[in-house]
Amino acid sequence: MNIESEMRHRLTAAFAPERLEVVNESHRHAGHSGDDGSGESHFAVLIRSAALAPLGRVARHRAVHQALGDLVGRIHALAIDAA
C-alpha cells in the first residue's frame, strides 16, 4: 500500500471523518530539499471530523500525527487543515 492510501486508511479509522482529502504534492517539490525521489515525500491533508472539532488547533495536529504514527517519519512535509 502506498503512503497516500495508508494515510487515508489510518485517518478514516481514527476519526470517521465527514470529509477527508489526502493530496500527494511531491511532484511540486521535485529537486527541492526533502525530495527523496520516491514521489511520496510531501502531502497535504484536509480533514473534517466531529472527533476533532472540540480540540484546539495544536491538539488537532497532534491527534492527526498520532493517528498517522510511523508514516510521519517516512515523509518530509505534511500540511494539515483539520477541524
PDB file of N, CA and C in Angstrom:
ATOM      1  N   MET A   1       0.847  -1.171   0.000  1.00  0.00           N
ATOM      2  CA  MET A   1       0.000   0.000   0.000  1.00  0.00           C
ATOM      3  C   MET A   1       0.898   1.241   0.000  1.00  0.00           C
ATOM      4  N   ASN A   2       0.578   2.230  -0.846  1.00  0.00           N
ATOM      5  CA  ASN A   2       1.396   3.430  -0.871  1.00  0.00           C
ATOM      6  C   ASN A   2       1.058   4.325   0.329  1.00  0.00           C
ATOM      7  N   ILE A   3       1.883   5.336   0.560  1.00  0.00           N
ATOM      8  CA  ILE A   3       1.724   6.186   1.736  1.00  0.00           C
ATOM      9  C   ILE A   3       0.389   6.927   1.704  1.00  0.00           C
ATOM     10  N   GLU A   4       0.004   7.451   0.548  1.00  0.00           N
ATOM     11  CA  GLU A   4      -1.269   8.179   0.449  1.00  0.00           C
ATOM     12  C   GLU A   4      -2.446   7.287   0.864  1.00  0.00           C
ATOM     13  N   SER A   5      -2.492   6.079   0.374  1.00  0.00           N
ATOM     14  CA  SER A   5      -3.575   5.147   0.724  1.00  0.00           C
ATOM     15  C   SER A   5      -3.547   4.792   2.204  1.00  0.00           C
ATOM     16  N   GLU A   6      -2.356   4.582   2.721  1.00  0.00           N
ATOM     17  CA  GLU A   6      -2.225   4.244   4.138  1.00  0.00           C
ATOM     18  C   GLU A   6      -2.660   5.413   5.020  1.00  0.00           C
ATOM     19  N   MET A   7      -2.340   6.638   4.604  1.00  0.00           N
ATOM     20  CA  MET A   7      -2.791   7.815   5.356  1.00  0.00           C
ATOM     21  C   MET A   7      -4.319   7.865   5.395  1.00  0.00           C
ATOM     22  N   ARG A   8      -4.944   7.676   4.246  1.00  0.00           N
ATOM     23  CA  ARG A   8      -6.410   7.656   4.167  1.00  0.00           C
ATOM     24  C   ARG A   8      -6.999   6.606   5.113  1.00  0.00           C
ATOM     25  N   HIS A   9      -6.433   5.434   5.061  1.00  0.00           N
ATOM     26  CA  HIS A   9      -6.918   4.324   5.881  1.00  0.00           C
ATOM     27  C   HIS A   9      -6.817   4.656   7.371  1.00  0.00           C
ATOM     28  N   ARG A  10      -5.657   5.124   7.798  1.00  0.00           N
ATOM     29  CA  ARG A  10      -5.442   5.412   9.225  1.00  0.00           C
ATOM     30  C   ARG A  10      -6.307   6.572   9.713  1.00  0.00           C
ATOM     31  N   LEU A  11      -6.433   7.624   8.917  1.00  0.00           N
ATOM     32  CA  LEU A  11      -7.242   8.773   9.332  1.00  0.00           C
ATOM     33  C   LEU A  11      -8.725   8.432   9.367  1.00  0.00           C
ATOM     34  N   THR A  12      -9.177   7.629   8.432  1.00  0.00           N
ATOM     35  CA  THR A  12     -10.573   7.190   8.430  1.00  0.00           C
ATOM     36  C   THR A  12     -10.859   6.329   9.652  1.00  0.00           C
ATOM     37  N   ALA A  13      -9.961   5.415   9.969  1.00  0.00           N
ATOM     38  CA  ALA A  13     -10.138   4.538  11.128  1.00  0.00           C
ATOM     39  C   ALA A  13     -10.131   5.327  12.434  1.00  0.00           C
ATOM     40  N   ALA A  14      -9.299   6.336  12.527  1.00  0.00           N
ATOM     41  CA  ALA A  14      -9.151   7.089  13.775  1.00  0.00           C
ATOM     42  C   ALA A  14     -10.263   8.108  13.993  1.00  0.00           C
ATOM     43  N   PHE A  15     -10.759   8.734  12.912  1.00  0.00           N
ATOM     44  CA  PHE A  15     -11.648   9.881  13.085  1.00  0.00           C
ATOM     45  C   PHE A  15     -13.005   9.784  12.403  1.00  0.00           C
ATOM     46  N   ALA A  16     -13.261   8.774  11.599  1.00  0.00           N
ATOM     47  CA  ALA A  16     -14.523   8.656  10.852  1.00  0.00           C
ATOM     48  C   ALA A  16     -14.926  10.020  10.286  1.00  0.00           C
ATOM     49  N   PRO A  17     -14.067  10.605   9.449  1.00  0.00           N
ATOM     50  CA  PRO A  17     -14.297  11.976   9.001  1.00  0.00           C
ATOM     51  C   PRO A  17     -15.490  12.123   8.062  1.00  0.00           C
ATOM     52  N   GLU A  18     -16.117  13.299   8.154  1.00  0.00           N
ATOM     53  CA  GLU A  18     -17.170  13.657   7.211  1.00  0.00           C
ATOM     54  C   GLU A  18     -16.554  14.042   5.869  1.00  0.00           C
ATOM     55  N   ARG A  19     -15.340  14.571   5.937  1.00  0.00           N
ATOM     56  CA  ARG A  19     -14.603  14.947   4.724  1.00  0.00           C
ATOM     57  C   ARG A  19     -13.125  14.637   4.940  1.00  0.00           C
ATOM     58  N   LEU A  20     -12.523  14.039   3.945  1.00  0.00           N
ATOM     59  CA  LEU A  20     -11.102  13.725   4.014  1.00  0.00           C
ATOM     60  C   LEU A  20     -10.496  13.849   2.624  1.00  0.00           C
ATOM     61  N   GLU A  21      -9.460  14.671   2.535  1.00  0.00           N
ATOM     62  CA  GLU A  21      -8.693  14.784   1.305  1.00  0.00           C
ATOM     63  C   GLU A  21      -7.221  14.582   1.666  1.00  0.00           C
ATOM     64  N   VAL A  22      -6.594  13.665   1.005  1.00  0.00           N
ATOM     65  CA  VAL A  22      -5.155  13.443   1.151  1.00  0.00           C
ATOM     66  C   VAL A  22      -4.558  13.671  -0.226  1.00  0.00           C
ATOM     67  N   VAL A  23      -3.710  14.689  -0.318  1.00  0.00           N
ATOM     68  CA  VAL A  23      -3.154  15.070  -1.618  1.00  0.00           C
ATOM     69  C   VAL A  23      -1.641  14.896  -1.596  1.00  0.00           C
ATOM     70  N   ASN A  24      -1.149  14.126  -2.538  1.00  0.00           N
ATOM     71  CA  ASN A  24       0.289  13.952  -2.699  1.00  0.00           C
ATOM     72  C   ASN A  24       0.800  15.138  -3.511  1.00  0.00           C
ATOM     73  N   GLU A  25       1.569  16.009  -2.864  1.00  0.00           N
ATOM     74  CA  GLU A  25       2.111  17.200  -3.513  1.00  0.00           C
ATOM     75  C   GLU A  25       3.590  17.051  -3.852  1.00  0.00           C
ATOM     76  N   SER A  26       4.087  15.841  -3.829  1.00  0.00           N
ATOM     77  CA  SER A  26       5.519  15.591  -4.028  1.00  0.00           C
ATOM     78  C   SER A  26       6.022  16.121  -5.359  1.00  0.00           C
ATOM     79  N   HIS A  27       5.214  16.019  -6.387  1.00  0.00           N
ATOM     80  CA  HIS A  27       5.639  16.483  -7.716  1.00  0.00           C
ATOM     81  C   HIS A  27       5.956  17.980  -7.731  1.00  0.00           C
ATOM     82  N   ARG A  28       5.338  18.737  -6.832  1.00  0.00           N
ATOM     83  CA  ARG A  28       5.568  20.180  -6.752  1.00  0.00           C
ATOM     84  C   ARG A  28       6.909  20.512  -6.086  1.00  0.00           C
ATOM     85  N   HIS A  29       7.536  19.508  -5.485  1.00  0.00           N
ATOM     86  CA  HIS A  29       8.774  19.722  -4.737  1.00  0.00           C
ATOM     87  C   HIS A  29       9.951  18.936  -5.312  1.00  0.00           C
ATOM     88  N   ALA A  30       9.784  18.428  -6.508  1.00  0.00           N
ATOM     89  CA  ALA A  30      10.855  17.648  -7.139  1.00  0.00           C
ATOM     90  C   ALA A  30      12.131  18.478  -7.224  1.00  0.00           C
ATOM     91  N   GLY A  31      13.218  17.903  -6.756  1.00  0.00           N
ATOM     92  CA  GLY A  31      14.509  18.566  -6.785  1.00  0.00           C
ATOM     93  C   GLY A  31      14.759  19.494  -5.608  1.00  0.00           C
ATOM     94  N   HIS A  32      13.747  19.708  -4.780  1.00  0.00           N
ATOM     95  CA  HIS A  32      13.908  20.571  -3.604  1.00  0.00           C
ATOM     96  C   HIS A  32      14.426  19.763  -2.417  1.00  0.00           C
ATOM     97  N   SER A  33      14.781  20.464  -1.385  1.00  0.00           N
ATOM     98  CA  SER A  33      15.203  19.811  -0.142  1.00  0.00           C
ATOM     99  C   SER A  33      14.084  18.904   0.359  1.00  0.00           C
ATOM    100  N   GLY A  34      14.437  17.725   0.758  1.00  0.00           N
ATOM    101  CA  GLY A  34      13.447  16.785   1.276  1.00  0.00           C
ATOM    102  C   GLY A  34      12.872  15.855   0.228  1.00  0.00           C
ATOM    103  N   ASP A  35      13.108  16.137  -1.038  1.00  0.00           N
ATOM    104  CA  ASP A  35      12.638  15.248  -2.102  1.00  0.00           C
ATOM    105  C   ASP A  35      13.582  14.063  -2.175  1.00  0.00           C
ATOM    106  N   ASP A  36      13.069  12.897  -1.802  1.00  0.00           N
ATOM    107  CA  ASP A  36      13.916  11.702  -1.801  1.00  0.00           C
ATOM    108  C   ASP A  36      13.806  10.909  -3.096  1.00  0.00           C
ATOM    109  N   GLY A  37      13.053  11.431  -4.050  1.00  0.00           N
ATOM    110  CA  GLY A  37      12.898  10.758  -5.337  1.00  0.00           C
ATOM    111  C   GLY A  37      11.839   9.668  -5.346  1.00  0.00           C
ATOM    112  N   SER A  38      11.198   9.424  -4.213  1.00  0.00           N
ATOM    113  CA  SER A  38      10.196   8.358  -4.119  1.00  0.00           C
ATOM    114  C   SER A  38       8.840   8.774  -4.690  1.00  0.00           C
ATOM    115  N   GLY A  39       8.624  10.074  -4.808  1.00  0.00           N
ATOM    116  CA  GLY A  39       7.309  10.558  -5.227  1.00  0.00           C
ATOM    117  C   GLY A  39       6.312  10.541  -4.082  1.00  0.00           C
ATOM    118  N   GLU A  40       6.787  10.293  -2.865  1.00  0.00           N
ATOM    119  CA  GLU A  40       5.925  10.249  -1.683  1.00  0.00           C
ATOM    120  C   GLU A  40       6.602  10.966  -0.512  1.00  0.00           C
ATOM    121  N   SER A  41       6.918  12.243  -0.728  1.00  0.00           N
ATOM    122  CA  SER A  41       7.640  12.982   0.304  1.00  0.00           C
ATOM    123  C   SER A  41       6.863  14.162   0.887  1.00  0.00           C
ATOM    124  N   HIS A  42       5.893  14.695   0.152  1.00  0.00           N
ATOM    125  CA  HIS A  42       5.158  15.885   0.574  1.00  0.00           C
ATOM    126  C   HIS A  42       3.651  15.640   0.418  1.00  0.00           C
ATOM    127  N   PHE A  43       2.909  15.870   1.505  1.00  0.00           N
ATOM    128  CA  PHE A  43       1.470  15.630   1.490  1.00  0.00           C
ATOM    129  C   PHE A  43       0.714  16.775   2.145  1.00  0.00           C
ATOM    130  N   ALA A  44      -0.539  16.920   1.737  1.00  0.00           N
ATOM    131  CA  ALA A  44      -1.461  17.853   2.374  1.00  0.00           C
ATOM    132  C   ALA A  44      -2.710  17.064   2.763  1.00  0.00           C
ATOM    133  N   VAL A  45      -3.199  17.309   3.972  1.00  0.00           N
ATOM    134  CA  VAL A  45      -4.392  16.630   4.473  1.00  0.00           C
ATOM    135  C   VAL A  45      -5.426  17.676   4.867  1.00  0.00           C
ATOM    136  N   LEU A  46      -6.626  17.505   4.368  1.00  0.00           N
ATOM    137  CA  LEU A  46      -7.770  18.284   4.822  1.00  0.00           C
ATOM    138  C   LEU A  46      -8.717  17.276   5.454  1.00  0.00           C
ATOM    139  N   ILE A  47      -9.069  17.500   6.713  1.00  0.00           N
ATOM    140  CA  ILE A  47      -9.933  16.563   7.418  1.00  0.00           C
ATOM    141  C   ILE A  47     -10.966  17.324   8.239  1.00  0.00           C
ATOM    142  N   ARG A  48     -12.201  16.882   8.149  1.00  0.00           N
ATOM    143  CA  ARG A  48     -13.296  17.425   8.938  1.00  0.00           C
ATOM    144  C   ARG A  48     -13.936  16.253   9.679  1.00  0.00           C
ATOM    145  N   SER A  49     -13.923  16.346  11.005  1.00  0.00           N
ATOM    146  CA  SER A  49     -14.434  15.250  11.821  1.00  0.00           C
ATOM    147  C   SER A  49     -14.992  15.796  13.128  1.00  0.00           C
ATOM    148  N   ALA A  50     -16.103  15.237  13.556  1.00  0.00           N
ATOM    149  CA  ALA A  50     -16.684  15.611  14.848  1.00  0.00           C
ATOM    150  C   ALA A  50     -15.708  15.299  15.980  1.00  0.00           C
ATOM    151  N   ALA A  51     -14.875  14.299  15.797  1.00  0.00           N
ATOM    152  CA  ALA A  51     -13.902  13.927  16.822  1.00  0.00           C
ATOM    153  C   ALA A  51     -12.832  15.000  17.012  1.00  0.00           C
ATOM    154  N   LEU A  52     -12.542  15.764  15.970  1.00  0.00           N
ATOM    155  CA  LEU A  52     -11.516  16.798  16.049  1.00  0.00           C
ATOM    156  C   LEU A  52     -12.077  18.181  16.374  1.00  0.00           C
ATOM    157  N   ALA A  53     -13.351  18.383  16.103  1.00  0.00           N
ATOM    158  CA  ALA A  53     -13.969  19.704  16.232  1.00  0.00           C
ATOM    159  C   ALA A  53     -13.780  20.366  17.596  1.00  0.00           C
ATOM    160  N   PRO A  54     -13.900  19.645  18.713  1.00  0.00           N
ATOM    161  CA  PRO A  54     -13.772  20.330  20.003  1.00  0.00           C
ATOM    162  C   PRO A  54     -12.333  20.646  20.412  1.00  0.00           C
ATOM    163  N   LEU A  55     -11.368  20.151  19.669  1.00  0.00           N
ATOM    164  CA  LEU A  55      -9.963  20.346  20.020  1.00  0.00           C
ATOM    165  C   LEU A  55      -9.433  21.665  19.463  1.00  0.00           C
ATOM    166  N   GLY A  56      -8.434  22.212  20.112  1.00  0.00           N
ATOM    167  CA  GLY A  56      -7.731  23.381  19.594  1.00  0.00           C
ATOM    168  C   GLY A  56      -6.848  22.981  18.427  1.00  0.00           C
ATOM    169  N   ARG A  57      -6.321  23.972  17.729  1.00  0.00           N
ATOM    170  CA  ARG A  57      -5.530  23.717  16.522  1.00  0.00           C
ATOM    171  C   ARG A  57      -4.330  22.810  16.787  1.00  0.00           C
ATOM    172  N   VAL A  58      -3.575  23.085  17.823  1.00  0.00           N
ATOM    173  CA  VAL A  58      -2.390  22.274  18.122  1.00  0.00           C
ATOM    174  C   VAL A  58      -2.801  20.847  18.494  1.00  0.00           C
ATOM    175  N   ALA A  59      -3.855  20.697  19.282  1.00  0.00           N
ATOM    176  CA  ALA A  59      -4.329  19.361  19.668  1.00  0.00           C
ATOM    177  C   ALA A  59      -4.831  18.579  18.455  1.00  0.00           C
ATOM    178  N   ARG A  60      -5.479  19.254  17.505  1.00  0.00           N
ATOM    179  CA  ARG A  60      -5.928  18.571  16.277  1.00  0.00           C
ATOM    180  C   ARG A  60      -4.718  18.058  15.490  1.00  0.00           C
ATOM    181  N   HIS A  61      -3.698  18.895  15.364  1.00  0.00           N
ATOM    182  CA  HIS A  61      -2.495  18.479  14.631  1.00  0.00           C
ATOM    183  C   HIS A  61      -1.811  17.307  15.336  1.00  0.00           C
ATOM    184  N   ARG A  62      -1.735  17.374  16.639  1.00  0.00           N
ATOM    185  CA  ARG A  62      -1.132  16.258  17.389  1.00  0.00           C
ATOM    186  C   ARG A  62      -1.931  14.977  17.197  1.00  0.00           C
ATOM    187  N   ALA A  63      -3.261  15.080  17.197  1.00  0.00           N
ATOM    188  CA  ALA A  63      -4.106  13.903  17.013  1.00  0.00           C
ATOM    189  C   ALA A  63      -3.895  13.289  15.626  1.00  0.00           C
ATOM    190  N   VAL A  64      -3.782  14.132  14.624  1.00  0.00           N
ATOM    191  CA  VAL A  64      -3.528  13.634  13.260  1.00  0.00           C
ATOM    192  C   VAL A  64      -2.166  12.949  13.202  1.00  0.00           C
ATOM    193  N   HIS A  65      -1.154  13.577  13.777  1.00  0.00           N
ATOM    194  CA  HIS A  65       0.188  12.965  13.802  1.00  0.00           C
ATOM    195  C   HIS A  65       0.153  11.620  14.525  1.00  0.00           C
ATOM    196  N   GLN A  66      -0.557  11.562  15.632  1.00  0.00           N
ATOM    197  CA  GLN A  66      -0.644  10.304  16.387  1.00  0.00           C
ATOM    198  C   GLN A  66      -1.334   9.226  15.560  1.00  0.00           C
ATOM    199  N   ALA A  67      -2.406   9.579  14.883  1.00  0.00           N
ATOM    200  CA  ALA A  67      -3.127   8.600  14.056  1.00  0.00           C
ATOM    201  C   ALA A  67      -2.257   8.095  12.905  1.00  0.00           C
ATOM    202  N   LEU A  68      -1.425   8.965  12.355  1.00  0.00           N
ATOM    203  CA  LEU A  68      -0.561   8.567  11.235  1.00  0.00           C
ATOM    204  C   LEU A  68       0.646   7.763  11.696  1.00  0.00           C
ATOM    205  N   GLY A  69       1.015   7.916  12.954  1.00  0.00           N
ATOM    206  CA  GLY A  69       2.091   7.116  13.535  1.00  0.00           C
ATOM    207  C   GLY A  69       3.388   7.199  12.760  1.00  0.00           C
ATOM    208  N   ASP A  70       3.951   6.057  12.407  1.00  0.00           N
ATOM    209  CA  ASP A  70       5.257   5.981  11.755  1.00  0.00           C
ATOM    210  C   ASP A  70       5.290   6.599  10.368  1.00  0.00           C
ATOM    211  N   LEU A  71       4.127   6.835   9.756  1.00  0.00           N
ATOM    212  CA  LEU A  71       4.120   7.452   8.425  1.00  0.00           C
ATOM    213  C   LEU A  71       4.714   8.856   8.453  1.00  0.00           C
ATOM    214  N   VAL A  72       4.533   9.553   9.563  1.00  0.00           N
ATOM    215  CA  VAL A  72       5.057  10.915   9.676  1.00  0.00           C
ATOM    216  C   VAL A  72       6.578  10.917   9.523  1.00  0.00           C
ATOM    217  N   GLY A  73       7.229   9.920  10.034  1.00  0.00           N
ATOM    218  CA  GLY A  73       8.678   9.821   9.921  1.00  0.00           C
ATOM    219  C   GLY A  73       9.158   9.385   8.547  1.00  0.00           C
ATOM    220  N   ARG A  74       8.235   8.911   7.713  1.00  0.00           N
ATOM    221  CA  ARG A  74       8.614   8.433   6.382  1.00  0.00           C
ATOM    222  C   ARG A  74       8.446   9.495   5.303  1.00  0.00           C
ATOM    223  N   ILE A  75       7.904  10.661   5.669  1.00  0.00           N
ATOM    224  CA  ILE A  75       7.709  11.736   4.701  1.00  0.00           C
ATOM    225  C   ILE A  75       8.480  12.968   5.154  1.00  0.00           C
ATOM    226  N   HIS A  76       8.640  13.911   4.245  1.00  0.00           N
ATOM    227  CA  HIS A  76       9.381  15.133   4.566  1.00  0.00           C
ATOM    228  C   HIS A  76       8.465  16.238   5.079  1.00  0.00           C
ATOM    229  N   ALA A  77       7.262  16.381   4.479  1.00  0.00           N
ATOM    230  CA  ALA A  77       6.398  17.502   4.836  1.00  0.00           C
ATOM    231  C   ALA A  77       4.935  17.071   4.842  1.00  0.00           C
ATOM    232  N   LEU A  78       4.198  17.631   5.807  1.00  0.00           N
ATOM    233  CA  LEU A  78       2.770  17.349   5.926  1.00  0.00           C
ATOM    234  C   LEU A  78       2.050  18.634   6.304  1.00  0.00           C
ATOM    235  N   ALA A  79       1.212  19.118   5.408  1.00  0.00           N
ATOM    236  CA  ALA A  79       0.368  20.281   5.685  1.00  0.00           C
ATOM    237  C   ALA A  79      -0.973  19.752   6.173  1.00  0.00           C
ATOM    238  N   ILE A  80      -1.449  20.283   7.295  1.00  0.00           N
ATOM    239  CA  ILE A  80      -2.701  19.785   7.883  1.00  0.00           C
ATOM    240  C   ILE A  80      -3.703  20.921   8.017  1.00  0.00           C
ATOM    241  N   ASP A  81      -4.897  20.691   7.491  1.00  0.00           N
ATOM    242  CA  ASP A  81      -6.046  21.580   7.692  1.00  0.00           C
ATOM    243  C   ASP A  81      -7.099  20.710   8.357  1.00  0.00           C
ATOM    244  N   ALA A  82      -7.233  20.854   9.665  1.00  0.00           N
ATOM    245  CA  ALA A  82      -8.114  19.958  10.435  1.00  0.00           C
ATOM    246  C   ALA A  82      -9.131  20.774  11.223  1.00  0.00           C
ATOM    247  N   ALA A  83     -10.343  20.263  11.247  1.00  0.00           N
ATOM    248  CA  ALA A  83     -11.395  20.882  12.057  1.00  0.00           C
ATOM    249  C   ALA A  83     -12.426  19.818  12.406  1.00  0.00           C
TER     250      ALA A  83
END
